Amino acid sequence: MIAELNDFIGYPAAFLTTIAFVPQAWKSWRTRDLTGISLPMYALFTLGVVMWLVYGLVIGSLPIILANAVTFLLAAVVLALKVLDGWDESGRS
């Protein structure tokens, strides 16, 4: 019963918090405008997501694993674009 309740809460929570990153990732990919994106924030956030993913794997929580795997991919896209954007702006290519 408790496991079912956990999943009942966990899957929608995982879906909502993950889907929240889609608009930013899509806009960043489409426009390549990352001026409002903080590199330190996204680097720390992405590291935190990786740690949540590892935690989910350790405890065997599918909602945590799925949410953080997808969130990692989305955050990694934005982070990579931001790093590449900074690389281009610094005169290096």
N, C-alpha and C. Protein backbone atom coordinates (compact mmCIF):
# COMPACT_ATOMS: atom_id res chain seq x y z
N MET A 1 0.82 -1.20 0.00
CA MET A 1 0.00 0.00 0.00
C MET A 1 0.87 1.27 0.00
N ILE A 2 1.87 1.30 0.87
CA ILE A 2 2.74 2.48 0.95
C ILE A 2 3.53 2.65 -0.35
N ALA A 3 4.03 1.55 -0.91
CA ALA A 3 4.78 1.63 -2.17
C ALA A 3 3.89 2.15 -3.29
N GLU A 4 2.64 1.74 -3.32
CA GLU A 4 1.71 2.23 -4.34
C GLU A 4 1.45 3.71 -4.17
N LEU A 5 1.31 4.17 -2.92
CA LEU A 5 1.10 5.59 -2.65
C LEU A 5 2.35 6.38 -3.05
N ASN A 6 3.52 5.84 -2.74
CA ASN A 6 4.76 6.51 -3.13
C ASN A 6 4.83 6.70 -4.64
N ASP A 7 4.50 5.65 -5.39
CA ASP A 7 4.51 5.75 -6.84
C ASP A 7 3.42 6.69 -7.35
N PHE A 8 2.26 6.66 -6.70
CA PHE A 8 1.16 7.54 -7.08
C PHE A 8 1.56 9.01 -6.96
N ILE A 9 2.36 9.32 -5.96
CA ILE A 9 2.86 10.68 -5.77
C ILE A 9 4.14 10.89 -6.59
N GLY A 10 5.00 9.88 -6.61
CA GLY A 10 6.31 10.02 -7.23
C GLY A 10 6.30 10.23 -8.73
N TYR A 11 5.50 9.46 -9.44
CA TYR A 11 5.49 9.59 -10.90
C TYR A 11 4.98 10.95 -11.38
N PRO A 12 3.84 11.45 -10.85
CA PRO A 12 3.42 12.79 -11.29
C PRO A 12 4.42 13.87 -10.89
N ALA A 13 5.00 13.76 -9.69
CA ALA A 13 6.00 14.75 -9.26
C ALA A 13 7.20 14.71 -10.19
N ALA A 14 7.66 13.52 -10.51
CA ALA A 14 8.79 13.36 -11.42
C ALA A 14 8.48 13.94 -12.79
N PHE A 15 7.29 13.65 -13.29
CA PHE A 15 6.89 14.15 -14.61
C PHE A 15 6.84 15.67 -14.63
N LEU A 16 6.20 16.27 -13.63
CA LEU A 16 6.04 17.73 -13.61
C LEU A 16 7.37 18.46 -13.46
N THR A 17 8.22 17.99 -12.56
CA THR A 17 9.50 18.69 -12.37
C THR A 17 10.43 18.49 -13.56
N THR A 18 10.29 17.38 -14.24
CA THR A 18 11.12 17.12 -15.43
C THR A 18 10.63 17.93 -16.62
N ILE A 19 9.34 17.91 -16.86
CA ILE A 19 8.77 18.62 -18.01
C ILE A 19 8.98 20.13 -17.90
N ALA A 20 9.19 20.62 -16.68
CA ALA A 20 9.43 22.05 -16.48
C ALA A 20 10.69 22.53 -17.19
N PHE A 21 11.63 21.63 -17.46
CA PHE A 21 12.87 22.02 -18.12
C PHE A 21 12.79 21.99 -19.64
N VAL A 22 11.75 21.42 -20.19
CA VAL A 22 11.63 21.32 -21.64
C VAL A 22 11.58 22.70 -22.31
N PRO A 23 10.76 23.65 -21.83
CA PRO A 23 10.73 24.95 -22.51
C PRO A 23 12.09 25.65 -22.55
N GLN A 24 12.85 25.60 -21.44
CA GLN A 24 14.16 26.25 -21.43
C GLN A 24 15.13 25.56 -22.37
N ALA A 25 15.14 24.25 -22.34
CA ALA A 25 16.04 23.50 -23.22
C ALA A 25 15.69 23.76 -24.68
N TRP A 26 14.40 23.75 -25.00
CA TRP A 26 13.96 23.98 -26.38
C TRP A 26 14.31 25.39 -26.84
N LYS A 27 14.03 26.39 -25.99
CA LYS A 27 14.33 27.78 -26.35
C LYS A 27 15.84 27.97 -26.54
N SER A 28 16.61 27.41 -25.64
CA SER A 28 18.07 27.53 -25.75
C SER A 28 18.58 26.89 -27.03
N TRP A 29 18.05 25.72 -27.34
CA TRP A 29 18.47 25.01 -28.56
C TRP A 29 18.06 25.78 -29.81
N ARG A 30 16.82 26.27 -29.80
CA ARG A 30 16.27 26.93 -30.98
C ARG A 30 16.92 28.29 -31.24
N THR A 31 17.08 29.11 -30.20
CA THR A 31 17.56 30.47 -30.39
C THR A 31 19.06 30.63 -30.19
N ARG A 32 19.66 29.68 -29.49
CA ARG A 32 21.08 29.76 -29.10
C ARG A 32 21.35 31.02 -28.27
N ASP A 33 20.30 31.60 -27.68
CA ASP A 33 20.44 32.77 -26.81
C ASP A 33 20.49 32.29 -25.37
N LEU A 34 21.67 32.34 -24.79
CA LEU A 34 21.86 31.86 -23.42
C LEU A 34 22.34 32.97 -22.49
N THR A 35 22.09 34.21 -22.87
CA THR A 35 22.59 35.33 -22.08
C THR A 35 22.01 35.36 -20.67
N GLY A 36 20.80 34.88 -20.50
CA GLY A 36 20.18 34.89 -19.17
C GLY A 36 20.45 33.65 -18.36
N ILE A 37 21.24 32.75 -18.87
CA ILE A 37 21.53 31.49 -18.18
C ILE A 37 22.82 31.63 -17.39
N SER A 38 22.77 31.30 -16.11
CA SER A 38 23.95 31.35 -15.25
C SER A 38 24.72 30.03 -15.37
N LEU A 39 25.96 30.12 -15.82
CA LEU A 39 26.79 28.92 -15.96
C LEU A 39 27.03 28.23 -14.62
N PRO A 40 27.40 28.97 -13.56
CA PRO A 40 27.59 28.27 -12.28
C PRO A 40 26.31 27.59 -11.78
N MET A 41 25.18 28.24 -11.94
CA MET A 41 23.92 27.64 -11.50
C MET A 41 23.63 26.36 -12.25
N TYR A 42 23.76 26.38 -13.57
CA TYR A 42 23.45 25.19 -14.36
C TYR A 42 24.46 24.08 -14.12
N ALA A 43 25.73 24.43 -13.88
CA ALA A 43 26.73 23.41 -13.58
C ALA A 43 26.40 22.73 -12.25
N LEU A 44 26.09 23.52 -11.23
CA LEU A 44 25.73 22.95 -9.93
C LEU A 44 24.44 22.16 -10.01
N PHE A 45 23.47 22.69 -10.73
CA PHE A 45 22.19 22.00 -10.88
C PHE A 45 22.39 20.64 -11.56
N THR A 46 23.16 20.62 -12.63
CA THR A 46 23.40 19.38 -13.37
C THR A 46 24.12 18.36 -12.48
N LEU A 47 25.08 18.81 -11.71
CA LEU A 47 25.76 17.92 -10.77
C LEU A 47 24.77 17.37 -9.74
N GLY A 48 23.89 18.23 -9.23
CA GLY A 48 22.87 17.78 -8.29
C GLY A 48 21.94 16.74 -8.90
N VAL A 49 21.57 16.94 -10.15
CA VAL A 49 20.70 15.98 -10.84
C VAL A 49 21.41 14.63 -10.99
N VAL A 50 22.69 14.66 -11.31
CA VAL A 50 23.45 13.41 -11.41
C VAL A 50 23.47 12.70 -10.06
N MET A 51 23.63 13.47 -8.99
CA MET A 51 23.64 12.86 -7.66
C MET A 51 22.27 12.26 -7.31
N TRP A 52 21.18 12.95 -7.68
CA TRP A 52 19.84 12.39 -7.48
C TRP A 52 19.66 11.12 -8.29
N LEU A 53 20.19 11.10 -9.50
CA LEU A 53 20.10 9.91 -10.34
C LEU A 53 20.82 8.73 -9.69
N VAL A 54 22.02 8.97 -9.20
CA VAL A 54 22.77 7.92 -8.51
C VAL A 54 22.00 7.45 -7.27
N TYR A 55 21.46 8.39 -6.52
CA TYR A 55 20.65 8.05 -5.34
C TYR A 55 19.46 7.18 -5.74
N GLY A 56 18.77 7.55 -6.79
CA GLY A 56 17.64 6.76 -7.26
C GLY A 56 18.06 5.35 -7.65
N LEU A 57 19.22 5.23 -8.28
CA LEU A 57 19.73 3.90 -8.64
C LEU A 57 20.05 3.08 -7.39
N VAL A 58 20.65 3.73 -6.40
CA VAL A 58 21.03 3.03 -5.17
C VAL A 58 19.80 2.51 -4.43
N ILE A 59 18.75 3.32 -4.34
CA ILE A 59 17.57 2.88 -3.59
C ILE A 59 16.55 2.17 -4.48
N GLY A 60 16.79 2.16 -5.78
CA GLY A 60 15.90 1.46 -6.70
C GLY A 60 14.56 2.14 -6.92
N SER A 61 14.56 3.47 -6.91
CA SER A 61 13.31 4.22 -7.09
C SER A 61 13.15 4.63 -8.56
N LEU A 62 12.25 3.96 -9.25
CA LEU A 62 12.05 4.24 -10.67
C LEU A 62 11.63 5.69 -10.95
N PRO A 63 10.71 6.30 -10.16
CA PRO A 63 10.38 7.70 -10.44
C PRO A 63 11.60 8.62 -10.34
N ILE A 64 12.44 8.41 -9.34
CA ILE A 64 13.63 9.25 -9.18
C ILE A 64 14.61 9.00 -10.32
N ILE A 65 14.78 7.75 -10.70
CA ILE A 65 15.69 7.41 -11.80
C ILE A 65 15.23 8.03 -13.10
N LEU A 66 13.97 7.82 -13.46
CA LEU A 66 13.45 8.34 -14.73
C LEU A 66 13.50 9.86 -14.79
N ALA A 67 13.00 10.49 -13.73
CA ALA A 67 12.96 11.96 -13.72
C ALA A 67 14.34 12.55 -13.85
N ASN A 68 15.28 12.03 -13.12
CA ASN A 68 16.61 12.62 -13.13
C ASN A 68 17.42 12.24 -14.36
N ALA A 69 17.15 11.11 -14.96
CA ALA A 69 17.81 10.77 -16.22
C ALA A 69 17.37 11.74 -17.32
N VAL A 70 16.07 11.99 -17.40
CA VAL A 70 15.56 12.91 -18.42
C VAL A 70 15.99 14.34 -18.11
N THR A 71 15.88 14.75 -16.83
CA THR A 71 16.30 16.09 -16.45
C THR A 71 17.78 16.30 -16.73
N PHE A 72 18.60 15.28 -16.48
CA PHE A 72 20.02 15.38 -16.79
C PHE A 72 20.25 15.65 -18.27
N LEU A 73 19.55 14.93 -19.12
CA LEU A 73 19.71 15.13 -20.57
C LEU A 73 19.34 16.56 -20.97
N LEU A 74 18.21 17.05 -20.44
CA LEU A 74 17.77 18.41 -20.77
C LEU A 74 18.75 19.45 -20.22
N ALA A 75 19.15 19.28 -18.96
CA ALA A 75 20.08 20.24 -18.36
C ALA A 75 21.44 20.18 -19.04
N ALA A 76 21.87 18.99 -19.44
CA ALA A 76 23.16 18.85 -20.11
C ALA A 76 23.18 19.57 -21.45
N VAL A 77 22.05 19.57 -22.15
CA VAL A 77 21.96 20.30 -23.42
C VAL A 77 22.15 21.79 -23.17
N VAL A 78 21.42 22.33 -22.20
CA VAL A 78 21.53 23.76 -21.90
C VAL A 78 22.94 24.09 -21.41
N LEU A 79 23.48 23.25 -20.53
CA LEU A 79 24.83 23.48 -20.01
C LEU A 79 25.87 23.44 -21.13
N ALA A 80 25.77 22.48 -22.01
CA ALA A 80 26.72 22.38 -23.13
C ALA A 80 26.61 23.60 -24.04
N LEU A 81 25.39 24.02 -24.34
CA LEU A 81 25.21 25.21 -25.18
C LEU A 81 25.79 26.44 -24.50
N LYS A 82 25.61 26.55 -23.19
CA LYS A 82 26.15 27.70 -22.45
C LYS A 82 27.67 27.68 -22.46
N VAL A 83 28.26 26.53 -22.24
CA VAL A 83 29.73 26.42 -22.26
C VAL A 83 30.25 26.75 -23.66
N LEU A 84 29.62 26.22 -24.69
CA LEU A 84 30.05 26.51 -26.06
C LEU A 84 29.84 27.97 -26.41
N ASP A 85 28.76 28.57 -25.90
CA ASP A 85 28.48 29.99 -26.13
C ASP A 85 29.57 30.84 -25.49
N GLY A 86 29.95 30.52 -24.27
CA GLY A 86 31.02 31.24 -23.59
C GLY A 86 32.35 31.06 -24.29
N TRP A 87 32.57 29.87 -24.82
CA TRP A 87 33.80 29.57 -25.56
C TRP A 87 33.89 30.45 -26.80
N ASP A 88 32.77 30.58 -27.53
CA ASP A 88 32.75 31.41 -28.74
C ASP A 88 32.91 32.89 -28.40
N GLU A 89 32.26 33.35 -27.32
CA GLU A 89 32.32 34.77 -26.97
C GLU A 89 33.70 35.19 -26.49
N SER A 90 34.48 34.25 -25.99
CA SER A 90 35.81 34.60 -25.48
C SER A 90 36.85 34.71 -26.59
N GLY A 91 36.41 34.48 -27.82
CA GLY A 91 37.32 34.60 -28.95
C GLY A 91 38.00 33.31 -29.33
N ARG A 92 37.71 32.25 -28.59
CA ARG A 92 38.28 30.94 -28.91
C ARG A 92 37.26 30.16 -29.70
N SER A 93 37.70 29.36 -30.63
CA SER A 93 36.75 28.53 -31.37
C SER A 93 37.27 27.19 -31.71
